Amino acid sequence: MPRLKLATKEKSKSTLFLIEQIVVIAVFAICAAVCVRIIVSAYMMTSDAVDTRNALTIAESAADGFKAFDGDAALVFAVLSDRGANTHIIGSYSHNSIIIACDRFSLEITIRDGQAHGVLFADIVVSGVRSGEELVTLTVATRTGGAD
């Protein structure tokens, strides 16, 4: 009979050891899942910040071009659409709007007359091509035809 008790104690110790190992593995798996989620979240936030920064750079370039060329849509379109041979850009313009799309961003400029004589306003919107989400919106004004 003593042999049976000895075997039961050894069996019980090995069972506790296995349960302890399962608990340790489960805790480790939960911690790993939390860490992966944090890393993915940080990557997405960084990616969004880079997209917003690049969209702001595009919007500022459009605003500078609009001011430099006194709201001339043809000149602004020519400068903004010339980004080099490595970038695929499509677009169109009229006297009061410019639309340019590349691989990642879409730029739309709407030109409108101001209340005062000789002032033009431009509403500049840069959106992400994949998401369609507006990343940056600017309004800029320029005087045309000299001072009043």
N, C-alpha and C. Protein backbone atom coordinates (compact mmCIF):
# COMPACT_ATOMS: atom_id res chain seq x y z
N MET A 1 0.79 -1.19 0.00
CA MET A 1 0.00 0.00 0.00
C MET A 1 0.85 1.27 0.00
N PRO A 2 1.95 1.33 0.70
CA PRO A 2 2.76 2.54 0.69
C PRO A 2 3.21 2.93 -0.70
N ARG A 3 3.35 1.93 -1.58
CA ARG A 3 3.78 2.25 -2.95
C ARG A 3 2.72 3.09 -3.66
N LEU A 4 1.49 2.84 -3.44
CA LEU A 4 0.43 3.60 -4.08
C LEU A 4 0.45 5.06 -3.64
N LYS A 5 0.69 5.31 -2.38
CA LYS A 5 0.75 6.69 -1.89
C LYS A 5 1.94 7.43 -2.50
N LEU A 6 3.05 6.75 -2.61
CA LEU A 6 4.24 7.35 -3.19
C LEU A 6 3.99 7.72 -4.65
N ALA A 7 3.37 6.86 -5.41
CA ALA A 7 3.06 7.13 -6.82
C ALA A 7 2.06 8.27 -6.95
N THR A 8 1.11 8.36 -6.06
CA THR A 8 0.12 9.43 -6.10
C THR A 8 0.78 10.78 -5.82
N LYS A 9 1.72 10.84 -4.88
CA LYS A 9 2.42 12.09 -4.58
C LYS A 9 3.26 12.55 -5.77
N GLU A 10 3.96 11.62 -6.43
CA GLU A 10 4.76 11.99 -7.59
C GLU A 10 3.86 12.46 -8.72
N LYS A 11 2.74 11.78 -8.90
CA LYS A 11 1.80 12.16 -9.96
C LYS A 11 1.23 13.55 -9.67
N SER A 12 0.91 13.82 -8.45
CA SER A 12 0.35 15.10 -8.08
C SER A 12 1.37 16.22 -8.26
N LYS A 13 2.65 15.98 -7.96
CA LYS A 13 3.69 16.97 -8.15
C LYS A 13 3.88 17.27 -9.64
N SER A 14 3.88 16.27 -10.48
CA SER A 14 4.06 16.50 -11.92
C SER A 14 2.85 17.22 -12.51
N THR A 15 1.65 16.95 -12.01
CA THR A 15 0.46 17.64 -12.47
C THR A 15 0.53 19.12 -12.10
N LEU A 16 0.93 19.42 -10.88
CA LEU A 16 1.07 20.82 -10.47
C LEU A 16 2.14 21.54 -11.29
N PHE A 17 3.23 20.85 -11.57
CA PHE A 17 4.28 21.43 -12.38
C PHE A 17 3.76 21.77 -13.79
N LEU A 18 2.99 20.86 -14.40
CA LEU A 18 2.43 21.10 -15.73
C LEU A 18 1.43 22.25 -15.72
N ILE A 19 0.60 22.32 -14.70
CA ILE A 19 -0.36 23.42 -14.59
C ILE A 19 0.38 24.74 -14.43
N GLU A 20 1.43 24.74 -13.62
CA GLU A 20 2.23 25.95 -13.45
C GLU A 20 2.86 26.38 -14.78
N GLN A 21 3.37 25.46 -15.54
CA GLN A 21 3.96 25.78 -16.84
C GLN A 21 2.91 26.32 -17.81
N ILE A 22 1.72 25.76 -17.79
CA ILE A 22 0.64 26.25 -18.66
C ILE A 22 0.27 27.67 -18.29
N VAL A 23 0.18 27.95 -16.99
CA VAL A 23 -0.14 29.31 -16.54
C VAL A 23 0.96 30.28 -16.97
N VAL A 24 2.21 29.90 -16.82
CA VAL A 24 3.32 30.77 -17.23
C VAL A 24 3.27 31.04 -18.73
N ILE A 25 3.02 30.02 -19.52
CA ILE A 25 2.92 30.19 -20.99
C ILE A 25 1.73 31.09 -21.35
N ALA A 26 0.61 30.93 -20.65
CA ALA A 26 -0.57 31.76 -20.91
C ALA A 26 -0.27 33.23 -20.60
N VAL A 27 0.36 33.48 -19.46
CA VAL A 27 0.72 34.86 -19.09
C VAL A 27 1.69 35.44 -20.12
N PHE A 28 2.68 34.66 -20.52
CA PHE A 28 3.63 35.12 -21.53
C PHE A 28 2.92 35.43 -22.84
N ALA A 29 1.96 34.60 -23.27
CA ALA A 29 1.23 34.83 -24.51
C ALA A 29 0.40 36.11 -24.44
N ILE A 30 -0.23 36.35 -23.29
CA ILE A 30 -1.02 37.58 -23.12
C ILE A 30 -0.10 38.80 -23.18
N CYS A 31 1.04 38.74 -22.50
CA CYS A 31 1.99 39.87 -22.54
C CYS A 31 2.52 40.10 -23.95
N ALA A 32 2.80 39.02 -24.68
CA ALA A 32 3.28 39.16 -26.05
C ALA A 32 2.21 39.79 -26.93
N ALA A 33 0.95 39.40 -26.76
CA ALA A 33 -0.14 39.97 -27.55
C ALA A 33 -0.29 41.47 -27.27
N VAL A 34 -0.19 41.85 -26.01
CA VAL A 34 -0.28 43.27 -25.65
C VAL A 34 0.88 44.04 -26.28
N CYS A 35 2.08 43.50 -26.22
CA CYS A 35 3.25 44.17 -26.81
C CYS A 35 3.11 44.33 -28.32
N VAL A 36 2.63 43.29 -28.99
CA VAL A 36 2.42 43.37 -30.44
C VAL A 36 1.39 44.44 -30.77
N ARG A 37 0.32 44.51 -29.99
CA ARG A 37 -0.71 45.52 -30.23
C ARG A 37 -0.14 46.93 -30.06
N ILE A 38 0.67 47.13 -29.04
CA ILE A 38 1.29 48.44 -28.82
C ILE A 38 2.23 48.80 -29.97
N ILE A 39 3.01 47.84 -30.43
CA ILE A 39 3.94 48.11 -31.54
C ILE A 39 3.18 48.44 -32.81
N VAL A 40 2.12 47.71 -33.11
CA VAL A 40 1.32 47.99 -34.31
C VAL A 40 0.66 49.35 -34.20
N SER A 41 0.15 49.69 -33.02
CA SER A 41 -0.47 51.00 -32.82
C SER A 41 0.54 52.12 -33.02
N ALA A 42 1.75 51.95 -32.50
CA ALA A 42 2.79 52.96 -32.67
C ALA A 42 3.17 53.10 -34.15
N TYR A 43 3.25 51.99 -34.86
CA TYR A 43 3.56 52.03 -36.29
C TYR A 43 2.48 52.79 -37.05
N MET A 44 1.22 52.53 -36.74
CA MET A 44 0.12 53.22 -37.42
C MET A 44 0.13 54.72 -37.12
N MET A 45 0.42 55.07 -35.87
CA MET A 45 0.48 56.49 -35.51
C MET A 45 1.62 57.18 -36.25
N THR A 46 2.75 56.52 -36.36
CA THR A 46 3.89 57.08 -37.08
C THR A 46 3.56 57.24 -38.55
N SER A 47 2.93 56.24 -39.12
CA SER A 47 2.54 56.30 -40.54
C SER A 47 1.57 57.45 -40.79
N ASP A 48 0.59 57.62 -39.89
CA ASP A 48 -0.37 58.73 -40.03
C ASP A 48 0.34 60.08 -39.90
N ALA A 49 1.28 60.17 -38.98
CA ALA A 49 2.01 61.43 -38.79
C ALA A 49 2.85 61.77 -40.01
N VAL A 50 3.48 60.77 -40.61
CA VAL A 50 4.28 61.00 -41.82
C VAL A 50 3.38 61.44 -42.97
N ASP A 51 2.23 60.80 -43.13
CA ASP A 51 1.29 61.20 -44.18
C ASP A 51 0.81 62.63 -43.97
N THR A 52 0.49 62.99 -42.75
CA THR A 52 0.03 64.35 -42.46
C THR A 52 1.13 65.37 -42.73
N ARG A 53 2.35 65.04 -42.34
CA ARG A 53 3.48 65.96 -42.59
C ARG A 53 3.70 66.14 -44.09
N ASN A 54 3.67 65.05 -44.86
CA ASN A 54 3.84 65.15 -46.30
C ASN A 54 2.69 65.91 -46.95
N ALA A 55 1.47 65.69 -46.47
CA ALA A 55 0.32 66.42 -47.00
C ALA A 55 0.44 67.92 -46.71
N LEU A 56 0.93 68.26 -45.53
CA LEU A 56 1.13 69.67 -45.18
C LEU A 56 2.19 70.31 -46.08
N THR A 57 3.24 69.57 -46.39
CA THR A 57 4.28 70.08 -47.30
C THR A 57 3.69 70.35 -48.68
N ILE A 58 2.86 69.44 -49.16
CA ILE A 58 2.21 69.63 -50.47
C ILE A 58 1.29 70.85 -50.43
N ALA A 59 0.50 70.99 -49.37
CA ALA A 59 -0.41 72.13 -49.25
C ALA A 59 0.36 73.45 -49.18
N GLU A 60 1.46 73.47 -48.45
CA GLU A 60 2.27 74.69 -48.36
C GLU A 60 2.89 75.03 -49.71
N SER A 61 3.33 74.02 -50.46
CA SER A 61 3.86 74.26 -51.80
C SER A 61 2.79 74.85 -52.71
N ALA A 62 1.58 74.31 -52.60
CA ALA A 62 0.48 74.84 -53.41
C ALA A 62 0.16 76.28 -53.02
N ALA A 63 0.17 76.58 -51.73
CA ALA A 63 -0.10 77.94 -51.26
C ALA A 63 0.98 78.91 -51.75
N ASP A 64 2.24 78.49 -51.66
CA ASP A 64 3.34 79.33 -52.14
C ASP A 64 3.23 79.57 -53.65
N GLY A 65 2.90 78.53 -54.41
CA GLY A 65 2.72 78.68 -55.85
C GLY A 65 1.57 79.60 -56.19
N PHE A 66 0.47 79.46 -55.45
CA PHE A 66 -0.69 80.32 -55.67
C PHE A 66 -0.33 81.78 -55.44
N LYS A 67 0.39 82.06 -54.37
CA LYS A 67 0.80 83.44 -54.07
C LYS A 67 1.82 83.94 -55.09
N ALA A 68 2.80 83.11 -55.43
CA ALA A 68 3.87 83.54 -56.34
C ALA A 68 3.34 83.87 -57.73
N PHE A 69 2.34 83.14 -58.18
CA PHE A 69 1.81 83.35 -59.53
C PHE A 69 0.50 84.11 -59.53
N ASP A 70 0.20 84.83 -58.45
CA ASP A 70 -0.99 85.66 -58.33
C ASP A 70 -2.27 84.93 -58.72
N GLY A 71 -2.37 83.66 -58.35
CA GLY A 71 -3.59 82.90 -58.57
C GLY A 71 -3.77 82.38 -59.98
N ASP A 72 -2.76 82.45 -60.83
CA ASP A 72 -2.87 81.94 -62.20
C ASP A 72 -2.88 80.41 -62.16
N ALA A 73 -4.03 79.81 -62.42
CA ALA A 73 -4.21 78.36 -62.30
C ALA A 73 -3.29 77.58 -63.23
N ALA A 74 -3.07 78.09 -64.43
CA ALA A 74 -2.22 77.37 -65.39
C ALA A 74 -0.78 77.27 -64.89
N LEU A 75 -0.25 78.38 -64.37
CA LEU A 75 1.13 78.35 -63.86
C LEU A 75 1.25 77.51 -62.59
N VAL A 76 0.28 77.63 -61.70
CA VAL A 76 0.30 76.84 -60.47
C VAL A 76 0.24 75.36 -60.82
N PHE A 77 -0.63 74.98 -61.75
CA PHE A 77 -0.74 73.58 -62.17
C PHE A 77 0.56 73.09 -62.79
N ALA A 78 1.16 73.91 -63.63
CA ALA A 78 2.41 73.50 -64.29
C ALA A 78 3.51 73.23 -63.28
N VAL A 79 3.63 74.09 -62.27
CA VAL A 79 4.69 73.91 -61.28
C VAL A 79 4.39 72.72 -60.37
N LEU A 80 3.16 72.59 -59.91
CA LEU A 80 2.83 71.52 -58.97
C LEU A 80 2.80 70.14 -59.62
N SER A 81 2.51 70.07 -60.90
CA SER A 81 2.42 68.76 -61.55
C SER A 81 3.78 68.27 -62.06
N ASP A 82 4.81 69.12 -62.00
CA ASP A 82 6.15 68.73 -62.45
C ASP A 82 6.94 68.21 -61.25
N ARG A 83 6.77 66.92 -60.93
CA ARG A 83 7.42 66.33 -59.77
C ARG A 83 8.48 65.31 -60.15
N GLY A 84 8.85 65.22 -61.41
CA GLY A 84 9.89 64.28 -61.81
C GLY A 84 9.33 63.05 -62.49
N ALA A 85 10.19 62.31 -63.13
CA ALA A 85 9.77 61.16 -63.92
C ALA A 85 9.40 59.96 -63.06
N ASN A 86 9.86 59.91 -61.81
CA ASN A 86 9.59 58.75 -60.98
C ASN A 86 8.20 58.76 -60.34
N THR A 87 7.50 59.88 -60.39
CA THR A 87 6.19 59.99 -59.76
C THR A 87 5.11 60.05 -60.83
N HIS A 88 4.11 59.20 -60.69
CA HIS A 88 2.99 59.19 -61.63
C HIS A 88 1.95 60.21 -61.16
N ILE A 89 1.78 61.29 -61.92
CA ILE A 89 0.86 62.37 -61.55
C ILE A 89 -0.15 62.57 -62.65
N ILE A 90 -1.42 62.67 -62.26
CA ILE A 90 -2.48 63.03 -63.20
C ILE A 90 -3.19 64.25 -62.64
N GLY A 91 -3.77 65.03 -63.51
CA GLY A 91 -4.48 66.20 -63.02
C GLY A 91 -5.12 66.99 -64.13
N SER A 92 -5.83 68.02 -63.70
CA SER A 92 -6.49 68.93 -64.63
C SER A 92 -6.66 70.28 -63.94
N TYR A 93 -6.95 71.29 -64.74
CA TYR A 93 -7.18 72.60 -64.16
C TYR A 93 -8.13 73.39 -65.04
N SER A 94 -8.77 74.37 -64.43
CA SER A 94 -9.57 75.36 -65.14
C SER A 94 -9.22 76.70 -64.51
N HIS A 95 -9.90 77.76 -64.89
CA HIS A 95 -9.53 79.08 -64.35
C HIS A 95 -9.78 79.18 -62.84
N ASN A 96 -10.65 78.32 -62.27
CA ASN A 96 -10.94 78.43 -60.84
C ASN A 96 -10.73 77.13 -60.05
N SER A 97 -10.13 76.12 -60.66
CA SER A 97 -9.85 74.91 -59.87
C SER A 97 -8.67 74.14 -60.45
N ILE A 98 -7.97 73.46 -59.57
CA ILE A 98 -6.85 72.62 -59.94
C ILE A 98 -7.01 71.31 -59.17
N ILE A 99 -6.88 70.20 -59.89
CA ILE A 99 -6.94 68.89 -59.25
C ILE A 99 -5.72 68.11 -59.70
N ILE A 100 -4.96 67.62 -58.73
CA ILE A 100 -3.76 66.83 -59.02
C ILE A 100 -3.79 65.61 -58.11
N ALA A 101 -3.53 64.44 -58.68
CA ALA A 101 -3.47 63.21 -57.90
C ALA A 101 -2.17 62.47 -58.22
N CYS A 102 -1.54 61.98 -57.19
CA CYS A 102 -0.35 61.14 -57.38
C CYS A 102 -0.61 59.82 -56.66
N ASP A 103 0.43 59.05 -56.42
CA ASP A 103 0.27 57.72 -55.84
C ASP A 103 -0.38 57.74 -54.45
N ARG A 104 -0.05 58.71 -53.64
CA ARG A 104 -0.52 58.70 -52.25
C ARG A 104 -1.47 59.83 -51.88
N PHE A 105 -1.41 60.96 -52.63
CA PHE A 105 -2.18 62.12 -52.23
C PHE A 105 -2.97 62.70 -53.39
N SER A 106 -4.04 63.37 -53.04
CA SER A 106 -4.86 64.10 -54.00
C SER A 106 -4.91 65.56 -53.54
N LEU A 107 -4.62 66.48 -54.45
CA LEU A 107 -4.60 67.91 -54.15
C LEU A 107 -5.71 68.58 -54.93
N GLU A 108 -6.53 69.35 -54.23
CA GLU A 108 -7.59 70.11 -54.91
C GLU A 108 -7.52 71.56 -54.45
N ILE A 109 -7.42 72.45 -55.43
CA ILE A 109 -7.36 73.88 -55.15
C ILE A 109 -8.57 74.53 -55.81
N THR A 110 -9.35 75.22 -55.01
CA THR A 110 -10.51 75.95 -55.53
C THR A 110 -10.20 77.44 -55.38
N ILE A 111 -10.18 78.15 -56.51
CA ILE A 111 -9.85 79.57 -56.52
C ILE A 111 -11.15 80.37 -56.58
N ARG A 112 -11.26 81.37 -55.72
CA ARG A 112 -12.47 82.20 -55.70
C ARG A 112 -12.09 83.66 -55.49
N ASP A 113 -12.94 84.54 -56.03
CA ASP A 113 -12.73 85.98 -55.88
C ASP A 113 -13.11 86.40 -54.46
N GLY A 114 -12.36 87.37 -53.96
CA GLY A 114 -12.68 87.91 -52.64
C GLY A 114 -13.67 89.05 -52.77
N GLN A 115 -14.11 89.57 -51.65
CA GLN A 115 -15.05 90.69 -51.62
C GLN A 115 -14.38 91.98 -52.11
N ALA A 116 -13.10 92.15 -51.77
CA ALA A 116 -12.37 93.35 -52.18
C ALA A 116 -11.81 93.14 -53.59
N HIS A 117 -11.66 94.24 -54.30
CA HIS A 117 -11.12 94.19 -55.66
C HIS A 117 -9.65 93.77 -55.63
N GLY A 118 -9.31 92.85 -56.53
CA GLY A 118 -7.92 92.44 -56.67
C GLY A 118 -7.45 91.40 -55.67
N VAL A 119 -8.36 90.75 -54.96
CA VAL A 119 -7.97 89.72 -54.01
C VAL A 119 -8.54 88.38 -54.48
N LEU A 120 -7.68 87.38 -54.52
CA LEU A 120 -8.11 86.02 -54.84
C LEU A 120 -7.85 85.13 -53.63
N PHE A 121 -8.78 84.22 -53.37
CA PHE A 121 -8.63 83.24 -52.30
C PHE A 121 -8.51 81.86 -52.92
N ALA A 122 -7.80 80.98 -52.25
CA ALA A 122 -7.71 79.59 -52.68
C ALA A 122 -7.96 78.69 -51.48
N ASP A 123 -8.86 77.74 -51.66
CA ASP A 123 -9.08 76.71 -50.65
C ASP A 123 -8.29 75.49 -51.12
N ILE A 124 -7.34 75.06 -50.33
CA ILE A 124 -6.44 73.96 -50.68
C ILE A 124 -6.76 72.78 -49.78
N VAL A 125 -7.06 71.64 -50.40
CA VAL A 125 -7.39 70.42 -49.66
C VAL A 125 -6.48 69.30 -50.15
N VAL A 126 -5.78 68.67 -49.24
CA VAL A 126 -4.94 67.51 -49.56
C VAL A 126 -5.56 66.30 -48.87
N SER A 127 -5.87 65.27 -49.66
CA SER A 127 -6.50 64.05 -49.14
C SER A 127 -5.62 62.85 -49.43
N GLY A 128 -5.78 61.82 -48.63
CA GLY A 128 -5.10 60.56 -48.90
C GLY A 128 -5.85 59.82 -50.00
N VAL A 129 -5.12 59.28 -50.97
CA VAL A 129 -5.77 58.59 -52.09
C VAL A 129 -6.44 57.30 -51.61
N ARG A 130 -5.78 56.55 -50.77
CA ARG A 130 -6.33 55.26 -50.32
C ARG A 130 -7.52 55.44 -49.39
N SER A 131 -7.40 56.34 -48.43
CA SER A 131 -8.46 56.50 -47.43
C SER A 131 -9.52 57.50 -47.86
N GLY A 132 -9.15 58.46 -48.72
CA GLY A 132 -10.08 59.52 -49.10
C GLY A 132 -10.25 60.55 -48.00
N GLU A 133 -9.56 60.39 -46.91
CA GLU A 133 -9.66 61.29 -45.76
C GLU A 133 -8.91 62.59 -46.02
N GLU A 134 -9.54 63.72 -45.68
CA GLU A 134 -8.86 65.01 -45.79
C GLU A 134 -7.78 65.09 -44.72
N LEU A 135 -6.55 65.30 -45.16
CA LEU A 135 -5.43 65.37 -44.23
C LEU A 135 -5.10 66.80 -43.85
N VAL A 136 -5.17 67.71 -44.82
CA VAL A 136 -4.83 69.11 -44.57
C VAL A 136 -5.79 69.99 -45.38
N THR A 137 -6.26 71.06 -44.76
CA THR A 137 -7.09 72.06 -45.44
C THR A 137 -6.52 73.43 -45.11
N LEU A 138 -6.22 74.21 -46.15
CA LEU A 138 -5.69 75.57 -45.97
C LEU A 138 -6.52 76.54 -46.81
N THR A 139 -6.60 77.76 -46.36
CA THR A 139 -7.16 78.85 -47.15
C THR A 139 -6.09 79.92 -47.23
N VAL A 140 -5.82 80.40 -48.45
CA VAL A 140 -4.77 81.39 -48.65
C VAL A 140 -5.31 82.49 -49.56
N ALA A 141 -4.76 83.69 -49.41
CA ALA A 141 -5.21 84.83 -50.21
C ALA A 141 -4.00 85.50 -50.84
N THR A 142 -4.24 86.11 -52.00
CA THR A 142 -3.19 86.89 -52.67
C THR A 142 -3.84 88.08 -53.36
N ARG A 143 -3.06 89.16 -53.45
CA ARG A 143 -3.52 90.35 -54.18
C ARG A 143 -3.06 90.23 -55.62
N THR A 144 -3.91 90.64 -56.53
CA THR A 144 -3.56 90.66 -57.94
C THR A 144 -3.75 92.06 -58.47
N GLY A 145 -3.02 92.41 -59.49
CA GLY A 145 -3.20 93.71 -60.14
C GLY A 145 -2.64 94.88 -59.36
N GLY A 146 -1.78 94.66 -58.42
CA GLY A 146 -1.17 95.77 -57.69
C GLY A 146 -2.02 96.24 -56.54
N ALA A 147 -1.52 97.23 -55.79
CA ALA A 147 -2.25 97.76 -54.62
C ALA A 147 -3.34 98.71 -55.07
N ASP A 148 -4.40 98.79 -54.27
CA ASP A 148 -5.53 99.71 -54.58
C ASP A 148 -5.24 101.10 -54.13
